[in-house]
């Protein structure tokens, strides 16, 4: 539903519309030949001098910022990029739905005293699940959950194959896939969401962009750190943490770093820290145009002489 209000006057009309989505408006401007600039809302708000906010004053502020060449423009992905993101989100949501169905089937088996875990979804485990004597409604629930699972598996496989095809088309995605734990899904999502490495001057900015740094409220020389900010793409954060855990399982160096952090802090904190480290590593691989190498240094300091304490 779109709500439109019109304030009519003989000499001019003011029209305001309310809707939760703006893609159609962006497409309309593109069809009409207008160049669309999207600004950073927090930075625009910081540039407001008057403590007055209404639509006409906001328009004046935007006009002034553009005339002064001071408009905080943000990067906007192209239509192809956005459509491919829908592929990633669709697969992600379908996998989540399948996981919920599998968890419900596990609960049904556990209520009958069987704890099969992953074996439940093997051929023999499923046969044993179907043989369980259940009450009428529980039996119907089991049957319909299994039917849903059977319908979702081919769909997820088809979406996974589509992701792999799109990943093979992009050299930068194939380069990122050489890192331990990084597959086509994580690498493609990273390239699509980051857009281009030239948007960021340093690797640490990647951690801020994806929301994997702690929030901070420090004052008077006392540092107060909170939970991670979670600003940015939740899908990319999830994939980076999952890929970092995979790297920790298969790569000795990543396993050692993860165990060190988990013993010092908490395993959840260690997972996020390793995910942030992976995001920075992928940034430098992409920016430098190189594949993964355990002995390769990353960052603006790479190749420079210095000690372990940062003193040159």
Protein backbone atom coordinates (compact mmCIF):
# COMPACT_ATOMS: atom_id res chain seq x y z
CA UNK A 1 0.00 0.00 0.00
CA UNK A 2 1.22 3.52 -0.85
CA UNK A 3 -0.12 6.49 1.13
CA UNK A 4 -0.12 9.84 -0.69
CA UNK A 5 -0.97 13.23 0.79
CA UNK A 6 -1.53 16.35 -1.34
CA UNK A 7 -1.55 19.93 -0.01
CA UNK A 8 -3.23 21.77 -2.90
CA UNK A 9 -2.81 25.48 -3.63
CA UNK A 10 -3.75 27.39 -6.78
CA UNK A 11 -0.12 28.31 -7.54
CA UNK A 12 1.71 25.17 -6.34
CA UNK A 13 1.12 21.72 -4.93
CA UNK A 14 3.11 19.83 -2.31
CA UNK A 15 2.94 16.05 -2.59
CA UNK A 16 4.35 13.63 -0.04
CA UNK A 17 4.22 9.86 -0.33
CA UNK A 18 5.01 7.17 2.22
CA UNK A 19 6.32 3.78 1.23
CA UNK A 20 8.89 1.41 2.65
CA UNK A 21 10.78 0.75 -0.57
CA UNK A 22 12.59 2.98 -3.06
CA UNK A 23 13.93 0.70 -5.81
CA UNK A 24 11.07 1.65 -8.11
CA UNK A 25 11.94 5.33 -7.62
CA UNK A 26 15.58 4.70 -8.51
CA UNK A 27 14.53 2.85 -11.66
CA UNK A 28 12.18 5.70 -12.60
CA UNK A 29 14.94 8.29 -12.31
CA UNK A 30 17.28 6.11 -14.37
CA UNK A 31 14.64 5.77 -17.11
CA UNK A 32 14.15 9.56 -17.15
CA UNK A 33 17.89 10.10 -17.52
CA UNK A 34 18.56 11.59 -14.08
CA UNK A 35 21.76 10.88 -12.16
CA UNK A 36 20.85 9.71 -8.68
CA UNK A 37 23.00 10.55 -5.67
CA UNK A 38 22.32 8.83 -2.37
CA UNK A 39 23.86 10.47 0.68
CA UNK A 40 25.04 9.18 4.03
CA UNK A 41 22.21 10.16 6.45
CA UNK A 42 24.38 10.44 9.56
CA UNK A 43 26.96 12.65 7.83
CA UNK A 44 24.24 14.86 6.33
CA UNK A 45 22.65 15.27 9.76
CA UNK A 46 26.02 16.30 11.23
CA UNK A 47 26.30 19.08 8.64
CA UNK A 48 22.98 20.66 9.65
CA UNK A 49 23.57 23.97 11.45
CA UNK A 50 20.03 24.92 12.43
CA UNK A 51 18.20 22.85 15.00
CA UNK A 52 15.21 22.74 12.71
CA UNK A 53 14.24 19.85 10.52
CA UNK A 54 11.49 19.92 7.95
CA UNK A 55 11.31 18.91 4.32
CA UNK A 56 11.99 22.32 2.77
CA UNK A 57 15.00 22.93 5.02
CA UNK A 58 16.34 19.43 4.25
CA UNK A 59 16.10 20.19 0.54
CA UNK A 60 18.02 23.45 1.02
CA UNK A 61 20.72 21.61 2.96
CA UNK A 62 21.14 18.97 0.24
CA UNK A 63 21.30 21.67 -2.44
CA UNK A 64 23.94 23.60 -0.50
CA UNK A 65 26.07 20.51 0.04
CA UNK A 66 25.98 19.65 -3.67
CA UNK A 67 26.84 23.21 -4.71
CA UNK A 68 29.78 23.23 -2.29
CA UNK A 69 30.92 19.81 -3.57
CA UNK A 70 30.53 18.56 0.00
CA UNK A 71 27.75 16.04 -0.47
CA UNK A 72 28.56 12.76 1.39
CA UNK A 73 27.69 10.43 -1.47
CA UNK A 74 27.59 6.70 -0.78
CA UNK A 75 28.36 3.88 -3.18
CA UNK A 76 25.26 2.38 -4.82
CA UNK A 77 25.37 -1.11 -6.39
CA UNK A 78 24.18 -1.52 -9.95
CA UNK A 79 20.99 -3.48 -10.82
CA UNK A 80 22.92 -6.65 -11.72
CA UNK A 81 24.70 -6.57 -8.36
CA UNK A 82 21.41 -6.17 -6.50
CA UNK A 83 19.77 -8.99 -8.39
CA UNK A 84 22.64 -11.37 -7.60
CA UNK A 85 22.31 -10.41 -3.94
CA UNK A 86 18.73 -11.65 -4.13
CA UNK A 87 20.10 -15.02 -5.25
CA UNK A 88 22.36 -15.16 -2.17
CA UNK A 89 19.61 -14.05 0.19
CA UNK A 90 17.13 -16.51 -1.29
CA UNK A 91 19.50 -19.43 -0.85
CA UNK A 92 20.38 -18.27 2.67
CA UNK A 93 16.73 -18.10 3.71
CA UNK A 94 15.95 -21.46 2.14
CA UNK A 95 18.82 -23.07 4.06
CA UNK A 96 17.52 -21.50 7.26
CA UNK A 97 14.05 -22.91 6.60
CA UNK A 98 15.53 -26.36 5.93
CA UNK A 99 17.49 -26.18 9.18
CA UNK A 100 14.30 -25.41 11.13
CA UNK A 101 12.58 -28.39 9.52
CA UNK A 102 15.49 -30.68 10.36
CA UNK A 103 15.53 -29.44 13.96
CA UNK A 104 11.83 -30.24 14.30
CA UNK A 105 12.42 -33.76 13.01
CA UNK A 106 15.27 -34.16 15.50
CA UNK A 107 12.90 -33.07 18.29
CA UNK A 108 10.34 -35.67 17.22
CA UNK A 109 12.96 -38.41 17.36
CA UNK A 110 14.36 -37.25 20.71
CA UNK A 111 10.88 -37.23 22.24
CA UNK A 112 10.73 -40.93 21.42
CA UNK A 113 14.09 -41.57 23.07
CA UNK A 114 16.29 -41.59 19.94
CA UNK A 115 19.31 -39.32 19.59
CA UNK A 116 20.65 -39.94 16.10
CA UNK A 117 21.98 -36.42 15.30
CA UNK A 118 23.29 -36.35 11.70
CA UNK A 119 22.55 -40.04 11.19
CA UNK A 120 18.84 -39.18 11.29
CA UNK A 121 19.03 -37.79 7.74
CA UNK A 122 20.91 -40.73 6.27
CA UNK A 123 19.02 -43.37 4.33
CA UNK A 124 18.95 -45.79 7.26
CA UNK A 125 18.17 -43.04 9.79
CA UNK A 126 15.22 -41.80 7.79
CA UNK A 127 13.86 -45.33 7.47
CA UNK A 128 14.01 -45.73 11.25
CA UNK A 129 12.31 -42.34 11.71
CA UNK A 130 9.46 -43.34 9.43
CA UNK A 131 8.97 -46.60 11.36
CA UNK A 132 8.49 -44.87 14.71
CA UNK A 133 5.03 -45.40 16.16
CA UNK A 134 3.68 -41.90 16.81
CA UNK A 135 0.34 -40.42 17.81
CA UNK A 136 -1.92 -39.33 14.91
CA UNK A 137 -1.02 -35.62 14.86
CA UNK A 138 2.64 -36.28 15.54
CA UNK A 139 2.64 -38.79 12.68
CA UNK A 140 1.07 -36.24 10.35
CA UNK A 141 3.63 -33.63 11.42
CA UNK A 142 6.48 -36.06 10.68
CA UNK A 143 5.08 -36.87 7.24
CA UNK A 144 4.55 -33.27 6.20
CA UNK A 145 7.95 -32.16 7.50
CA UNK A 146 9.64 -34.91 5.52
CA UNK A 147 7.70 -33.87 2.41
CA UNK A 148 8.80 -30.26 2.87
CA UNK A 149 12.38 -31.40 3.30
CA UNK A 150 12.22 -33.44 0.10
CA UNK A 151 10.92 -30.43 -1.83
CA UNK A 152 13.49 -28.00 -0.45
CA UNK A 153 16.63 -30.03 -1.05
CA UNK A 154 16.47 -29.89 -4.89
CA UNK A 155 15.71 -26.16 -4.77
CA UNK A 156 18.72 -25.46 -2.55
CA UNK A 157 20.94 -27.58 -4.79
CA UNK A 158 19.76 -25.59 -7.82
CA UNK A 159 20.47 -22.27 -6.08
CA UNK A 160 23.89 -23.51 -4.97
CA UNK A 161 24.74 -24.47 -8.55
CA UNK A 162 23.68 -20.98 -9.71
CA UNK A 163 25.97 -19.39 -7.11
CA UNK A 164 28.87 -21.53 -8.28
CA UNK A 165 28.26 -20.55 -11.91
CA UNK A 166 28.26 -16.85 -11.02
CA UNK A 167 31.42 -17.29 -8.96
CA UNK A 168 33.30 -18.87 -11.87
CA UNK A 169 32.53 -15.82 -14.04
CA UNK A 170 34.51 -13.46 -11.79
CA UNK A 171 38.32 -13.71 -11.48
CA UNK A 172 38.33 -11.79 -8.19
CA UNK A 173 35.92 -14.31 -6.66
CA UNK A 174 38.09 -17.24 -7.78
CA UNK A 175 41.11 -15.49 -6.27
CA UNK A 176 39.40 -15.10 -2.90
CA UNK A 177 38.37 -18.76 -2.98
CA UNK A 178 42.03 -19.76 -2.67
CA UNK A 179 41.89 -18.73 1.00
CA UNK A 180 41.24 -21.66 3.38
CA UNK A 181 37.59 -21.94 4.38
CA UNK A 182 36.29 -19.58 1.69
CA UNK A 183 33.90 -21.11 -0.81
CA UNK A 184 31.93 -19.71 -3.76
CA UNK A 185 29.10 -18.40 -1.57
CA UNK A 186 31.32 -16.41 0.81
CA UNK A 187 33.61 -15.10 -1.93
CA UNK A 188 30.73 -14.02 -4.20
CA UNK A 189 28.89 -12.34 -1.32
CA UNK A 190 32.07 -10.53 -0.30
CA UNK A 191 32.65 -9.15 -3.81
CA UNK A 192 29.04 -8.12 -4.32
CA UNK A 193 28.61 -6.39 -0.96
CA UNK A 194 32.03 -4.72 -0.77
CA UNK A 195 31.72 -3.64 -4.41
CA UNK A 196 35.28 -2.50 -5.00
CA UNK A 197 38.32 -2.45 -2.70
CA UNK A 198 39.15 1.13 -3.70
CA UNK A 199 36.23 2.31 -1.54
CA UNK A 200 38.39 1.69 1.52
CA UNK A 201 41.83 3.09 2.28
CA UNK A 202 42.72 0.56 4.99
CA UNK A 203 41.78 -2.99 5.80
CA UNK A 204 40.50 -2.03 9.24
CA UNK A 205 37.71 -0.07 7.60
CA UNK A 206 36.29 -3.36 6.33
CA UNK A 207 35.66 -4.49 9.91
CA UNK A 208 33.76 -1.26 10.55
CA UNK A 209 31.77 -1.55 7.32
CA UNK A 210 30.51 -5.06 8.04
CA UNK A 211 29.77 -4.22 11.70
CA UNK A 212 32.28 -6.59 13.30
CA UNK A 213 33.98 -4.08 15.62
CA UNK A 214 32.81 -3.43 19.19
CA UNK A 215 30.68 -0.38 19.90
CA UNK A 216 32.43 2.17 22.08
CA UNK A 217 31.30 4.74 24.64
CA UNK A 218 34.56 6.07 26.09
CA UNK A 219 35.07 9.29 27.99
CA UNK A 220 37.52 10.93 30.43
CA UNK A 221 40.27 8.45 29.67
CA UNK A 222 38.08 5.43 30.44
CA UNK A 223 37.40 3.03 27.63
CA UNK A 224 34.01 1.31 27.52
CA UNK A 225 33.53 -1.31 24.82
CA UNK A 226 30.24 -3.05 24.14
CA UNK A 227 28.94 -5.65 21.73
CA UNK A 228 29.76 -5.49 18.04
CA UNK A 229 27.98 -2.71 16.17
CA UNK A 230 26.27 -5.03 13.64
CA UNK A 231 26.20 -2.19 11.11
CA UNK A 232 26.25 -3.49 7.59
CA UNK A 233 25.19 -6.69 5.89
CA UNK A 234 24.08 -9.39 8.31
CA UNK A 235 24.46 -11.97 5.54
CA UNK A 236 28.13 -11.12 4.98
CA UNK A 237 28.84 -11.19 8.74
CA UNK A 238 27.27 -14.64 8.99
CA UNK A 239 29.22 -16.00 6.03
CA UNK A 240 32.53 -14.56 7.25
CA UNK A 241 32.13 -16.13 10.69
CA UNK A 242 31.16 -19.47 9.15
CA UNK A 243 34.12 -19.37 6.76
CA UNK A 244 36.51 -18.44 9.58
CA UNK A 245 35.31 -21.43 11.62
CA UNK A 246 35.90 -23.68 8.61
CA UNK A 247 39.40 -22.24 8.21
CA UNK A 248 40.07 -22.88 11.92
CA UNK A 249 39.15 -26.54 11.44
CA UNK A 250 41.32 -27.19 8.39
CA UNK A 251 44.25 -24.79 8.74
CA UNK A 252 46.78 -25.09 11.63
CA UNK A 253 47.58 -21.38 11.85
CA UNK A 254 43.94 -20.36 11.98
CA UNK A 255 43.21 -23.12 14.50
CA UNK A 256 46.02 -21.92 16.75
CA UNK A 257 44.85 -18.31 16.63
CA UNK A 258 41.25 -19.29 17.29
CA UNK A 259 42.14 -21.48 20.29
CA UNK A 260 44.32 -18.71 21.71
CA UNK A 261 41.46 -16.21 21.53
CA UNK A 262 38.90 -18.70 22.83
CA UNK A 263 40.99 -19.43 25.92
CA UNK A 264 41.65 -15.74 26.63
CA UNK A 265 38.10 -14.51 26.04
CA UNK A 266 35.05 -16.51 24.95
CA UNK A 267 34.54 -18.74 21.96
CA UNK A 268 31.80 -16.48 20.55
CA UNK A 269 34.13 -13.49 20.76
CA UNK A 270 36.87 -15.57 19.14
CA UNK A 271 34.57 -16.52 16.24
CA UNK A 272 33.74 -12.89 15.50
CA UNK A 273 37.39 -11.85 15.81
CA UNK A 274 38.46 -14.52 13.34
CA UNK A 275 35.66 -13.49 10.98
CA UNK A 276 36.90 -9.90 11.11
CA UNK A 277 40.45 -11.09 10.48
CA UNK A 278 39.24 -13.06 7.46
CA UNK A 279 37.42 -10.00 6.09
CA UNK A 280 40.64 -7.98 6.26
CA UNK A 281 42.70 -10.76 4.67
CA UNK A 282 40.25 -11.02 1.76
CA UNK A 283 40.38 -7.25 1.31
CA UNK A 284 44.15 -7.23 0.84
CA UNK A 285 44.05 -10.27 -1.43
CA UNK A 286 41.51 -8.50 -3.62
CA UNK A 287 43.26 -5.13 -3.55
CA UNK A 288 46.73 -6.54 -4.25
CA UNK A 289 45.43 -8.98 -6.86
CA UNK A 290 47.12 -12.01 -5.33
CA UNK A 291 46.07 -15.47 -4.24
CA UNK A 292 46.36 -16.83 -0.71
CA UNK A 293 49.82 -17.61 0.60
CA UNK A 294 50.63 -18.37 4.26
CA UNK A 295 53.89 -16.43 4.09
CA UNK A 296 52.43 -13.39 2.33
CA UNK A 297 52.06 -10.19 4.37
CA UNK A 298 48.98 -8.06 3.97
CA UNK A 299 48.32 -4.41 4.68
CA UNK A 300 49.87 -1.05 3.92
CA UNK A 301 52.89 -2.05 6.03
CA UNK A 302 53.70 -5.13 3.92
CA UNK A 303 57.22 -5.09 2.56
CA UNK A 304 58.44 -2.41 4.94
CA UNK A 305 61.19 -2.90 7.50
CA UNK A 306 60.23 -2.75 11.15
CA UNK A 307 60.23 -4.57 14.47
CA UNK A 308 57.47 -6.48 16.15
CA UNK A 309 56.64 -3.41 18.24
CA UNK A 310 56.04 -1.25 15.18
CA UNK A 311 59.25 0.81 15.54
CA UNK A 312 60.98 1.29 12.20
